[in-house]
């Protein structure tokens, strides 16, 4: 999964602001979707969420309800908490 720390504007550097949850969700959703080998269209079909909304979420441009977060997590075999948890950078 792509980690929040791998995204330059979310990197942990001195004085860096704490990432917003929508930024963390965007990075984790894209990473989980890529790991699962799913396209945005497949997520739309599996979660019944509109394309525009998925695109806005992955672009960190949407506020998400708990119900929507659950609908996104289910087809990715993730929990809502996993989609909102910053990931440490991968080493190696």
C-alpha atoms as a PDB file:
ATOM      1  CA  UNK A   1       0.000   0.000   0.000  1.00  0.00           C
ATOM      2  CA  UNK A   2       1.253   3.499  -0.759  1.00  0.00           C
ATOM      3  CA  UNK A   3       2.072   5.179   2.507  1.00  0.00           C
ATOM      4  CA  UNK A   4       1.245   8.705   3.562  1.00  0.00           C
ATOM      5  CA  UNK A   5       4.913   9.248   4.302  1.00  0.00           C
ATOM      6  CA  UNK A   6       5.767   8.475   0.665  1.00  0.00           C
ATOM      7  CA  UNK A   7       3.712  11.445  -0.535  1.00  0.00           C
ATOM      8  CA  UNK A   8       5.893  14.593  -0.429  1.00  0.00           C
ATOM      9  CA  UNK A   9       3.290  16.946   1.029  1.00  0.00           C
ATOM     10  CA  UNK A  10       2.501  14.416   3.780  1.00  0.00           C
ATOM     11  CA  UNK A  11       6.100  13.567   4.622  1.00  0.00           C
ATOM     12  CA  UNK A  12       7.180  13.749   8.227  1.00  0.00           C
ATOM     13  CA  UNK A  13       9.688  16.591   8.184  1.00  0.00           C
ATOM     14  CA  UNK A  14      10.398  19.165  10.905  1.00  0.00           C
ATOM     15  CA  UNK A  15       7.568  21.667  10.998  1.00  0.00           C
ATOM     16  CA  UNK A  16       5.354  19.652   8.651  1.00  0.00           C
ATOM     17  CA  UNK A  17       1.654  20.045   9.364  1.00  0.00           C
ATOM     18  CA  UNK A  18      -0.284  17.036  10.542  1.00  0.00           C
ATOM     19  CA  UNK A  19      -1.974  15.493   7.492  1.00  0.00           C
ATOM     20  CA  UNK A  20      -5.722  15.896   7.269  1.00  0.00           C
ATOM     21  CA  UNK A  21      -7.765  12.718   7.462  1.00  0.00           C
ATOM     22  CA  UNK A  22      -9.038  13.319   3.925  1.00  0.00           C
ATOM     23  CA  UNK A  23      -5.406  13.330   2.691  1.00  0.00           C
ATOM     24  CA  UNK A  24      -4.669  10.100   4.547  1.00  0.00           C
ATOM     25  CA  UNK A  25      -7.865   8.532   3.182  1.00  0.00           C
ATOM     26  CA  UNK A  26      -6.991   9.591  -0.370  1.00  0.00           C
ATOM     27  CA  UNK A  27      -3.512   8.020  -0.219  1.00  0.00           C
ATOM     28  CA  UNK A  28      -4.725   4.846   1.513  1.00  0.00           C
ATOM     29  CA  UNK A  29      -7.722   4.399  -0.796  1.00  0.00           C
ATOM     30  CA  UNK A  30      -5.585   4.697  -3.924  1.00  0.00           C
ATOM     31  CA  UNK A  31      -3.002   2.335  -2.433  1.00  0.00           C
ATOM     32  CA  UNK A  32      -5.553  -0.255  -1.296  1.00  0.00           C
ATOM     33  CA  UNK A  33      -7.306  -0.116  -4.659  1.00  0.00           C
ATOM     34  CA  UNK A  34      -4.001  -0.612  -6.497  1.00  0.00           C
ATOM     35  CA  UNK A  35      -3.029  -3.464  -4.154  1.00  0.00           C
ATOM     36  CA  UNK A  36      -6.369  -5.140  -4.827  1.00  0.00           C
ATOM     37  CA  UNK A  37      -5.868  -4.670  -8.571  1.00  0.00           C
ATOM     38  CA  UNK A  38      -9.147  -2.757  -8.864  1.00  0.00           C
ATOM     39  CA  UNK A  39      -9.970   0.182 -11.093  1.00  0.00           C
ATOM     40  CA  UNK A  40     -12.105   3.103  -9.999  1.00  0.00           C
ATOM     41  CA  UNK A  41     -14.920   1.661 -12.120  1.00  0.00           C
ATOM     42  CA  UNK A  42     -14.715  -1.669 -10.283  1.00  0.00           C
ATOM     43  CA  UNK A  43     -14.818   0.099  -6.901  1.00  0.00           C
ATOM     44  CA  UNK A  44     -17.849   2.051  -8.095  1.00  0.00           C
ATOM     45  CA  UNK A  45     -19.641  -1.144  -9.034  1.00  0.00           C
ATOM     46  CA  UNK A  46     -18.711  -2.914  -5.795  1.00  0.00           C
ATOM     47  CA  UNK A  47     -19.474  -0.023  -3.447  1.00  0.00           C
ATOM     48  CA  UNK A  48     -22.351   1.686  -5.329  1.00  0.00           C
ATOM     49  CA  UNK A  49     -20.614   5.058  -5.020  1.00  0.00           C
ATOM     50  CA  UNK A  50     -20.696   7.534  -7.913  1.00  0.00           C
ATOM     51  CA  UNK A  51     -17.566   7.961 -10.077  1.00  0.00           C
ATOM     52  CA  UNK A  52     -17.375  11.666  -9.341  1.00  0.00           C
ATOM     53  CA  UNK A  53     -17.420  10.981  -5.623  1.00  0.00           C
ATOM     54  CA  UNK A  54     -14.681   8.304  -5.813  1.00  0.00           C
ATOM     55  CA  UNK A  55     -12.549  10.681  -7.844  1.00  0.00           C
ATOM     56  CA  UNK A  56     -13.086  13.483  -5.322  1.00  0.00           C
ATOM     57  CA  UNK A  57     -12.232  11.183  -2.407  1.00  0.00           C
ATOM     58  CA  UNK A  58      -9.037   9.948  -4.079  1.00  0.00           C
ATOM     59  CA  UNK A  59      -8.156  13.574  -4.787  1.00  0.00           C
ATOM     60  CA  UNK A  60      -8.695  14.537  -1.111  1.00  0.00           C
ATOM     61  CA  UNK A  61     -11.512  16.858  -2.172  1.00  0.00           C
ATOM     62  CA  UNK A  62     -14.477  15.278  -0.388  1.00  0.00           C
ATOM     63  CA  UNK A  63     -15.829  14.899   3.103  1.00  0.00           C
ATOM     64  CA  UNK A  64     -16.840  11.305   3.714  1.00  0.00           C
ATOM     65  CA  UNK A  65     -19.591   9.943   5.932  1.00  0.00           C
ATOM     66  CA  UNK A  66     -19.075   6.884   8.101  1.00  0.00           C
ATOM     67  CA  UNK A  67     -21.453   4.916   5.873  1.00  0.00           C
ATOM     68  CA  UNK A  68     -19.477   5.880   2.774  1.00  0.00           C
ATOM     69  CA  UNK A  69     -16.207   4.947   4.467  1.00  0.00           C
ATOM     70  CA  UNK A  70     -17.656   1.512   5.303  1.00  0.00           C
ATOM     71  CA  UNK A  71     -18.836   1.086   1.695  1.00  0.00           C
ATOM     72  CA  UNK A  72     -15.335   1.931   0.422  1.00  0.00           C
ATOM     73  CA  UNK A  73     -13.545  -0.367   2.860  1.00  0.00           C
ATOM     74  CA  UNK A  74     -15.674  -3.470   2.230  1.00  0.00           C
ATOM     75  CA  UNK A  75     -14.604  -4.328  -1.367  1.00  0.00           C
ATOM     76  CA  UNK A  76     -10.983  -3.572  -0.481  1.00  0.00           C
ATOM     77  CA  UNK A  77     -11.015  -6.029   2.418  1.00  0.00           C
ATOM     78  CA  UNK A  78     -10.028  -3.216   4.766  1.00  0.00           C
ATOM     79  CA  UNK A  79     -11.589  -1.695   7.847  1.00  0.00           C
ATOM     80  CA  UNK A  80     -12.574   1.970   7.868  1.00  0.00           C
ATOM     81  CA  UNK A  81      -9.886   2.507  10.518  1.00  0.00           C
ATOM     82  CA  UNK A  82      -7.221   1.100   8.171  1.00  0.00           C
ATOM     83  CA  UNK A  83      -8.216   3.601   5.502  1.00  0.00           C
ATOM     84  CA  UNK A  84      -7.797   6.458   8.002  1.00  0.00           C
ATOM     85  CA  UNK A  85      -4.508   5.328   9.565  1.00  0.00           C
ATOM     86  CA  UNK A  86      -1.252   6.887   8.316  1.00  0.00           C
ATOM     87  CA  UNK A  87       1.189   4.242   7.115  1.00  0.00           C
ATOM     88  CA  UNK A  88       4.902   4.399   7.858  1.00  0.00           C
ATOM     89  CA  UNK A  89       7.174   4.625   4.800  1.00  0.00           C
ATOM     90  CA  UNK A  90       8.303   1.371   3.285  1.00  0.00           C
ATOM     91  CA  UNK A  91      11.986   0.695   3.664  1.00  0.00           C
ATOM     92  CA  UNK A  92      13.958  -1.108   1.131  1.00  0.00           C
END
